[in-house]
Amino acid sequence: MGNFKSLRVWKDSVNLSANIYYITRKEPFSKDFGLSNQIQRASVSIASNIAEGDERGSNKESIYFFNVAKGSAAEVITQLHIAHKIGYIDNSVLEKLENQTEKIRATLKNLIKSRKE
């Protein structure tokens, strides 16, 4: 605990957030302030909650924040599907970012499990 920058899942979530910012700066996504802002905030929330959770003094507190991060990952996936459905991103972008997010969710699930033991 307390060394979040060394966690692979934190690094992956920072990369995901950068990728989200990249796609939301392109038109037509950039014109939709509501959805672009929401997916940006949800992606930032993943990395932020991993960092906060790892800095907490107990596994119980860490697990809480890791679960919040996992919930934010589900938000990102949902918002990616909405963006795809309305034509902001194509299939390849959806698949790439969804796979990246699913990997983070799976890693968080394992991290939560290990902190419970």
C-alpha atoms as a PDB file:
ATOM      1  CA  MET A   1       0.000   0.000   0.000  1.00  0.00           C
ATOM      2  CA  GLY A   2       1.011   3.581  -0.503  1.00  0.00           C
ATOM      3  CA  ASN A   3       2.922   3.236  -3.753  1.00  0.00           C
ATOM      4  CA  PHE A   4       0.135   3.655  -6.276  1.00  0.00           C
ATOM      5  CA  LYS A   5       2.444   4.865  -9.070  1.00  0.00           C
ATOM      6  CA  SER A   6       4.026   1.417  -9.162  1.00  0.00           C
ATOM      7  CA  LEU A   7       0.666  -0.322  -9.667  1.00  0.00           C
ATOM      8  CA  ARG A   8       0.218  -1.532 -13.234  1.00  0.00           C
ATOM      9  CA  VAL A   9      -3.536  -0.938 -12.985  1.00  0.00           C
ATOM     10  CA  TRP A  10      -2.946   2.714 -12.089  1.00  0.00           C
ATOM     11  CA  LYS A  11      -0.605   3.142 -15.086  1.00  0.00           C
ATOM     12  CA  ASP A  12      -3.145   1.443 -17.349  1.00  0.00           C
ATOM     13  CA  SER A  13      -5.939   3.691 -16.087  1.00  0.00           C
ATOM     14  CA  VAL A  14      -3.860   6.838 -16.677  1.00  0.00           C
ATOM     15  CA  ASN A  15      -3.261   5.630 -20.249  1.00  0.00           C
ATOM     16  CA  LEU A  16      -6.984   4.941 -20.681  1.00  0.00           C
ATOM     17  CA  SER A  17      -7.816   8.447 -19.520  1.00  0.00           C
ATOM     18  CA  ALA A  18      -5.310   9.936 -21.982  1.00  0.00           C
ATOM     19  CA  ASN A  19      -6.897   7.880 -24.769  1.00  0.00           C
ATOM     20  CA  ILE A  20     -10.355   9.076 -23.764  1.00  0.00           C
ATOM     21  CA  TYR A  21      -9.199  12.695 -23.853  1.00  0.00           C
ATOM     22  CA  TYR A  22      -7.708  12.081 -27.283  1.00  0.00           C
ATOM     23  CA  ILE A  23     -10.953  10.766 -28.802  1.00  0.00           C
ATOM     24  CA  THR A  24     -13.159  13.378 -27.130  1.00  0.00           C
ATOM     25  CA  ARG A  25     -11.120  16.226 -28.613  1.00  0.00           C
ATOM     26  CA  LYS A  26     -12.029  15.122 -32.143  1.00  0.00           C
ATOM     27  CA  GLU A  27     -15.217  16.180 -33.883  1.00  0.00           C
ATOM     28  CA  PRO A  28     -18.038  15.295 -33.656  1.00  0.00           C
ATOM     29  CA  PHE A  29     -17.353  14.049 -30.108  1.00  0.00           C
ATOM     30  CA  SER A  30     -15.826  17.389 -29.097  1.00  0.00           C
ATOM     31  CA  LYS A  31     -19.079  19.189 -29.940  1.00  0.00           C
ATOM     32  CA  ASP A  32     -21.022  17.110 -27.386  1.00  0.00           C
ATOM     33  CA  PHE A  33     -19.915  18.792 -24.194  1.00  0.00           C
ATOM     34  CA  GLY A  34     -22.128  16.691 -21.941  1.00  0.00           C
ATOM     35  CA  LEU A  35     -21.013  13.244 -23.055  1.00  0.00           C
ATOM     36  CA  SER A  36     -17.370  14.190 -23.618  1.00  0.00           C
ATOM     37  CA  ASN A  37     -17.158  15.788 -20.174  1.00  0.00           C
ATOM     38  CA  GLN A  38     -18.847  12.823 -18.513  1.00  0.00           C
ATOM     39  CA  ILE A  39     -16.600  10.173 -20.074  1.00  0.00           C
ATOM     40  CA  GLN A  40     -13.513  12.260 -19.326  1.00  0.00           C
ATOM     41  CA  ARG A  41     -14.518  12.611 -15.681  1.00  0.00           C
ATOM     42  CA  ALA A  42     -15.362   8.911 -15.368  1.00  0.00           C
ATOM     43  CA  SER A  43     -11.999   7.891 -16.844  1.00  0.00           C
ATOM     44  CA  VAL A  44     -10.106  10.264 -14.545  1.00  0.00           C
ATOM     45  CA  SER A  45     -12.089   8.857 -11.632  1.00  0.00           C
ATOM     46  CA  ILE A  46     -10.684   5.386 -12.269  1.00  0.00           C
ATOM     47  CA  ALA A  47      -7.049   6.429 -11.842  1.00  0.00           C
ATOM     48  CA  SER A  48      -7.857   8.867  -9.033  1.00  0.00           C
ATOM     49  CA  ASN A  49      -9.729   6.296  -6.965  1.00  0.00           C
ATOM     50  CA  ILE A  50      -7.000   3.711  -7.440  1.00  0.00           C
ATOM     51  CA  ALA A  51      -4.476   6.247  -6.145  1.00  0.00           C
ATOM     52  CA  GLU A  52      -6.665   7.281  -3.232  1.00  0.00           C
ATOM     53  CA  GLY A  53      -7.453   3.687  -2.336  1.00  0.00           C
ATOM     54  CA  ASP A  54      -3.830   2.661  -2.338  1.00  0.00           C
ATOM     55  CA  GLU A  55      -2.948   5.575  -0.070  1.00  0.00           C
ATOM     56  CA  ARG A  56      -5.556   4.641   2.550  1.00  0.00           C
ATOM     57  CA  GLY A  57      -4.412   3.119   5.787  1.00  0.00           C
ATOM     58  CA  SER A  58      -6.489  -0.035   5.733  1.00  0.00           C
ATOM     59  CA  ASN A  59      -7.503  -2.706   3.278  1.00  0.00           C
ATOM     60  CA  LYS A  60     -11.166  -1.982   4.021  1.00  0.00           C
ATOM     61  CA  GLU A  61     -10.767   1.637   2.902  1.00  0.00           C
ATOM     62  CA  SER A  62      -8.644   0.612  -0.092  1.00  0.00           C
ATOM     63  CA  ILE A  63     -11.264  -1.879  -1.224  1.00  0.00           C
ATOM     64  CA  TYR A  64     -13.959   0.792  -1.063  1.00  0.00           C
ATOM     65  CA  PHE A  65     -12.044   3.084  -3.428  1.00  0.00           C
ATOM     66  CA  PHE A  66     -11.061   0.231  -5.740  1.00  0.00           C
ATOM     67  CA  ASN A  67     -14.766  -0.631  -6.025  1.00  0.00           C
ATOM     68  CA  VAL A  68     -15.543   2.994  -6.870  1.00  0.00           C
ATOM     69  CA  ALA A  69     -12.858   2.819  -9.581  1.00  0.00           C
ATOM     70  CA  LYS A  70     -14.436  -0.390 -10.902  1.00  0.00           C
ATOM     71  CA  GLY A  71     -17.800   1.380 -11.039  1.00  0.00           C
ATOM     72  CA  SER A  72     -16.252   4.259 -12.957  1.00  0.00           C
ATOM     73  CA  ALA A  73     -14.828   1.737 -15.428  1.00  0.00           C
ATOM     74  CA  ALA A  74     -18.365   0.452 -16.003  1.00  0.00           C
ATOM     75  CA  GLU A  75     -19.446   4.054 -16.619  1.00  0.00           C
ATOM     76  CA  VAL A  76     -16.716   4.497 -19.228  1.00  0.00           C
ATOM     77  CA  ILE A  77     -17.782   1.329 -21.034  1.00  0.00           C
ATOM     78  CA  THR A  78     -21.392   2.491 -21.045  1.00  0.00           C
ATOM     79  CA  GLN A  79     -20.443   5.917 -22.376  1.00  0.00           C
ATOM     80  CA  LEU A  80     -18.226   4.362 -25.056  1.00  0.00           C
ATOM     81  CA  HIS A  81     -21.193   2.326 -26.258  1.00  0.00           C
ATOM     82  CA  ILE A  82     -23.369   5.428 -26.353  1.00  0.00           C
ATOM     83  CA  ALA A  83     -20.671   7.306 -28.295  1.00  0.00           C
ATOM     84  CA  HIS A  84     -20.481   4.421 -30.751  1.00  0.00           C
ATOM     85  CA  LYS A  85     -24.248   4.148 -31.114  1.00  0.00           C
ATOM     86  CA  ILE A  86     -24.565   7.829 -32.054  1.00  0.00           C
ATOM     87  CA  GLY A  87     -21.613   7.743 -34.422  1.00  0.00           C
ATOM     88  CA  TYR A  88     -18.863   9.507 -32.472  1.00  0.00           C
ATOM     89  CA  ILE A  89     -16.484   6.526 -32.548  1.00  0.00           C
ATOM     90  CA  ASP A  90     -16.132   3.580 -34.892  1.00  0.00           C
ATOM     91  CA  ASN A  91     -16.006  -0.148 -34.088  1.00  0.00           C
ATOM     92  CA  SER A  92     -12.221  -0.308 -33.822  1.00  0.00           C
ATOM     93  CA  VAL A  93     -12.039   2.549 -31.293  1.00  0.00           C
ATOM     94  CA  LEU A  94     -14.893   1.050 -29.291  1.00  0.00           C
ATOM     95  CA  GLU A  95     -13.226  -2.370 -29.187  1.00  0.00           C
ATOM     96  CA  LYS A  96      -9.789  -1.006 -28.306  1.00  0.00           C
ATOM     97  CA  LEU A  97     -11.006   1.220 -25.474  1.00  0.00           C
ATOM     98  CA  GLU A  98     -13.533  -1.283 -24.179  1.00  0.00           C
ATOM     99  CA  ASN A  99     -10.843  -3.985 -24.032  1.00  0.00           C
ATOM    100  CA  GLN A 100      -8.508  -1.582 -22.261  1.00  0.00           C
ATOM    101  CA  THR A 101     -11.228  -0.757 -19.725  1.00  0.00           C
ATOM    102  CA  GLU A 102     -12.233  -4.399 -19.229  1.00  0.00           C
ATOM    103  CA  LYS A 103      -8.610  -5.264 -18.460  1.00  0.00           C
ATOM    104  CA  ILE A 104      -8.592  -2.557 -15.775  1.00  0.00           C
ATOM    105  CA  ARG A 105     -11.874  -3.878 -14.322  1.00  0.00           C
ATOM    106  CA  ALA A 106     -10.504  -7.431 -14.172  1.00  0.00           C
ATOM    107  CA  THR A 107      -7.289  -6.259 -12.528  1.00  0.00           C
ATOM    108  CA  LEU A 108      -9.245  -4.250  -9.964  1.00  0.00           C
ATOM    109  CA  LYS A 109     -11.385  -7.292  -9.214  1.00  0.00           C
ATOM    110  CA  ASN A 110      -8.216  -9.306  -8.510  1.00  0.00           C
ATOM    111  CA  LEU A 111      -6.714  -6.477  -6.465  1.00  0.00           C
ATOM    112  CA  ILE A 112      -9.873  -6.276  -4.348  1.00  0.00           C
ATOM    113  CA  LYS A 113      -9.799 -10.035  -3.839  1.00  0.00           C
ATOM    114  CA  SER A 114      -6.153  -9.946  -2.741  1.00  0.00           C
ATOM    115  CA  ARG A 115      -6.827  -7.113  -0.269  1.00  0.00           C
ATOM    116  CA  LYS A 116      -9.679  -9.091   1.306  1.00  0.00           C
ATOM    117  CA  GLU A 117      -7.386 -11.980   2.219  1.00  0.00           C
END
